[in-house]
Structure formats: structure tokens, C-alpha cells
Amino acid sequence: MKEPTLKKVAYGAAMAIAIILVHFINARMYTMPPIFAIFLAIFFTYLGISVIKKYDKFDQKISRTKYNLLNALVVFVLFIAYYTIAQ
């Protein structure tokens, strides 16, 4: 595996934010067909990754422990937000 960078964690966070946003729209504002929700999540993820690629600040290397902890935090927040929105 290549050296972990903050950019890889930010990509995961962008995907998590896109999923949370689409789920919120789907659950609270407008019920979408599943295929449309998937395409919207892909679009929001693409936008997030495009913004992340523009900044060189995310290219810094981090330790493998910090990388794993940040990824676990992103996944934990994703689960909490997903089930909180559903209720």
C-alpha cells in the first residue's frame, strides 16, 4: 500500500458527505427513484473530489495509525448520520 495521505481520507469524507446529503434529501425533502439517488450521490462525490484535488494542503503524509483512526471516524459519522436521518 502506498503511503497514507490526508487526501485519501478527504476522498472518503467527500463520499460520506455525498451519501449523507442524498439520504437527507431522499428521506426529508423529496423521495427519489433509487437510480436517481445513486447518480446524484456519484455527482456530489465527483464535485467533492474535484474540490479536494485543487488544494495541495491535502497532499501531506500522515501516519498509518492516524489514517486508520480518521477513516474509522468517517465511517462512524456516516453510520450515525444515516440512521439519525432515517428516524
C-alpha atoms as a PDB file:
ATOM      1  CA  MET A   1       0.000   0.000   0.000  1.00  0.00           C
ATOM      2  CA  LYS A   2       1.218   3.474  -0.781  1.00  0.00           C
ATOM      3  CA  GLU A   3       1.929   5.915   1.978  1.00  0.00           C
ATOM      4  CA  PRO A   4      -1.281   7.238   3.542  1.00  0.00           C
ATOM      5  CA  THR A   5      -2.067  10.876   2.862  1.00  0.00           C
ATOM      6  CA  LEU A   6      -4.688  13.229   4.116  1.00  0.00           C
ATOM      7  CA  LYS A   7      -6.057  13.374   0.565  1.00  0.00           C
ATOM      8  CA  LYS A   8      -7.169   9.727   0.752  1.00  0.00           C
ATOM      9  CA  VAL A   9      -9.067  10.404   3.968  1.00  0.00           C
ATOM     10  CA  ALA A  10     -10.626  13.516   2.420  1.00  0.00           C
ATOM     11  CA  TYR A  11     -11.837  11.435  -0.541  1.00  0.00           C
ATOM     12  CA  GLY A  12     -13.615   9.108   1.866  1.00  0.00           C
ATOM     13  CA  ALA A  13     -15.099  12.064   3.728  1.00  0.00           C
ATOM     14  CA  ALA A  14     -16.350  13.540   0.438  1.00  0.00           C
ATOM     15  CA  MET A  15     -18.071  10.261  -0.383  1.00  0.00           C
ATOM     16  CA  ALA A  16     -19.600  10.065   3.101  1.00  0.00           C
ATOM     17  CA  ILE A  17     -20.886  13.637   2.873  1.00  0.00           C
ATOM     18  CA  ALA A  18     -22.406  12.911  -0.538  1.00  0.00           C
ATOM     19  CA  ILE A  19     -24.187   9.823   0.795  1.00  0.00           C
ATOM     20  CA  ILE A  20     -25.479  11.696   3.849  1.00  0.00           C
ATOM     21  CA  LEU A  21     -26.677  14.613   1.722  1.00  0.00           C
ATOM     22  CA  VAL A  22     -28.505  12.400  -0.775  1.00  0.00           C
ATOM     23  CA  HIS A  23     -30.050  10.343   2.020  1.00  0.00           C
ATOM     24  CA  PHE A  24     -31.241  13.534   3.741  1.00  0.00           C
ATOM     25  CA  ILE A  25     -32.808  14.816   0.528  1.00  0.00           C
ATOM     26  CA  ASN A  26     -34.393  11.428  -0.117  1.00  0.00           C
ATOM     27  CA  ALA A  27     -35.759  10.990   3.419  1.00  0.00           C
ATOM     28  CA  ARG A  28     -36.826  14.533   4.327  1.00  0.00           C
ATOM     29  CA  MET A  29     -37.412  16.570   1.160  1.00  0.00           C
ATOM     30  CA  TYR A  30     -38.103  14.569  -1.960  1.00  0.00           C
ATOM     31  CA  THR A  31     -38.442  10.818  -2.398  1.00  0.00           C
ATOM     32  CA  MET A  32     -36.299   9.919  -5.385  1.00  0.00           C
ATOM     33  CA  PRO A  33     -36.131   6.800  -7.507  1.00  0.00           C
ATOM     34  CA  PRO A  34     -33.110   4.716  -6.393  1.00  0.00           C
ATOM     35  CA  ILE A  35     -31.210   5.089  -9.686  1.00  0.00           C
ATOM     36  CA  PHE A  36     -31.524   8.874  -9.492  1.00  0.00           C
ATOM     37  CA  ALA A  37     -30.283   8.851  -5.883  1.00  0.00           C
ATOM     38  CA  ILE A  38     -27.235   6.807  -6.919  1.00  0.00           C
ATOM     39  CA  PHE A  39     -26.402   9.185  -9.779  1.00  0.00           C
ATOM     40  CA  LEU A  40     -26.858  12.192  -7.503  1.00  0.00           C
ATOM     41  CA  ALA A  41     -24.514  10.659  -4.902  1.00  0.00           C
ATOM     42  CA  ILE A  42     -21.927   9.974  -7.615  1.00  0.00           C
ATOM     43  CA  PHE A  43     -22.237  13.575  -8.838  1.00  0.00           C
ATOM     44  CA  PHE A  44     -21.793  15.037  -5.339  1.00  0.00           C
ATOM     45  CA  THR A  45     -18.809  12.737  -4.736  1.00  0.00           C
ATOM     46  CA  TYR A  46     -17.257  13.880  -8.020  1.00  0.00           C
ATOM     47  CA  LEU A  47     -17.727  17.521  -7.016  1.00  0.00           C
ATOM     48  CA  GLY A  48     -16.125  16.893  -3.629  1.00  0.00           C
ATOM     49  CA  ILE A  49     -13.150  15.106  -5.135  1.00  0.00           C
ATOM     50  CA  SER A  50     -12.704  17.887  -7.692  1.00  0.00           C
ATOM     51  CA  VAL A  51     -12.519  20.464  -4.906  1.00  0.00           C
ATOM     52  CA  ILE A  52     -10.090  18.323  -2.887  1.00  0.00           C
ATOM     53  CA  LYS A  53      -7.749  17.900  -5.862  1.00  0.00           C
ATOM     54  CA  LYS A  54      -7.358  21.679  -6.180  1.00  0.00           C
ATOM     55  CA  TYR A  55      -5.742  22.071  -2.752  1.00  0.00           C
ATOM     56  CA  ASP A  56      -2.160  20.963  -2.151  1.00  0.00           C
ATOM     57  CA  LYS A  57      -2.718  21.009   1.609  1.00  0.00           C
ATOM     58  CA  PHE A  58      -4.254  17.524   1.422  1.00  0.00           C
ATOM     59  CA  ASP A  59      -1.066  16.007  -0.055  1.00  0.00           C
ATOM     60  CA  GLN A  60       0.665  15.806   3.319  1.00  0.00           C
ATOM     61  CA  LYS A  61       1.595  12.356   4.556  1.00  0.00           C
ATOM     62  CA  ILE A  62       0.153  11.063   7.810  1.00  0.00           C
ATOM     63  CA  SER A  63       0.943   8.061   9.955  1.00  0.00           C
ATOM     64  CA  ARG A  64      -0.857   4.793   9.313  1.00  0.00           C
ATOM     65  CA  THR A  65      -2.419   4.941  12.784  1.00  0.00           C
ATOM     66  CA  LYS A  66      -3.809   8.428  12.211  1.00  0.00           C
ATOM     67  CA  TYR A  67      -5.024   7.327   8.768  1.00  0.00           C
ATOM     68  CA  ASN A  68      -6.907   4.360  10.252  1.00  0.00           C
ATOM     69  CA  LEU A  69      -8.375   6.446  13.076  1.00  0.00           C
ATOM     70  CA  LEU A  70      -9.593   9.152  10.707  1.00  0.00           C
ATOM     71  CA  ASN A  71     -11.156   6.556   8.397  1.00  0.00           C
ATOM     72  CA  ALA A  72     -12.883   4.901  11.356  1.00  0.00           C
ATOM     73  CA  LEU A  73     -14.200   8.309  12.432  1.00  0.00           C
ATOM     74  CA  VAL A  74     -15.570   8.990   8.935  1.00  0.00           C
ATOM     75  CA  VAL A  75     -17.336   5.613   8.866  1.00  0.00           C
ATOM     76  CA  PHE A  76     -18.717   6.120  12.393  1.00  0.00           C
ATOM     77  CA  VAL A  77     -20.110   9.555  11.498  1.00  0.00           C
ATOM     78  CA  LEU A  78     -21.589   8.107   8.305  1.00  0.00           C
ATOM     79  CA  PHE A  79     -23.465   5.403  10.224  1.00  0.00           C
ATOM     80  CA  ILE A  80     -24.689   7.779  12.923  1.00  0.00           C
ATOM     81  CA  ALA A  81     -25.868  10.383  10.427  1.00  0.00           C
ATOM     82  CA  TYR A  82     -27.505   7.813   8.152  1.00  0.00           C
ATOM     83  CA  TYR A  83     -29.598   6.274  10.919  1.00  0.00           C
ATOM     84  CA  THR A  84     -30.371   9.626  12.553  1.00  0.00           C
ATOM     85  CA  ILE A  85     -31.800  10.932   9.288  1.00  0.00           C
ATOM     86  CA  ALA A  86     -33.882   7.781   8.835  1.00  0.00           C
ATOM     87  CA  GLN A  87     -35.687   8.268  12.144  1.00  0.00           C
END
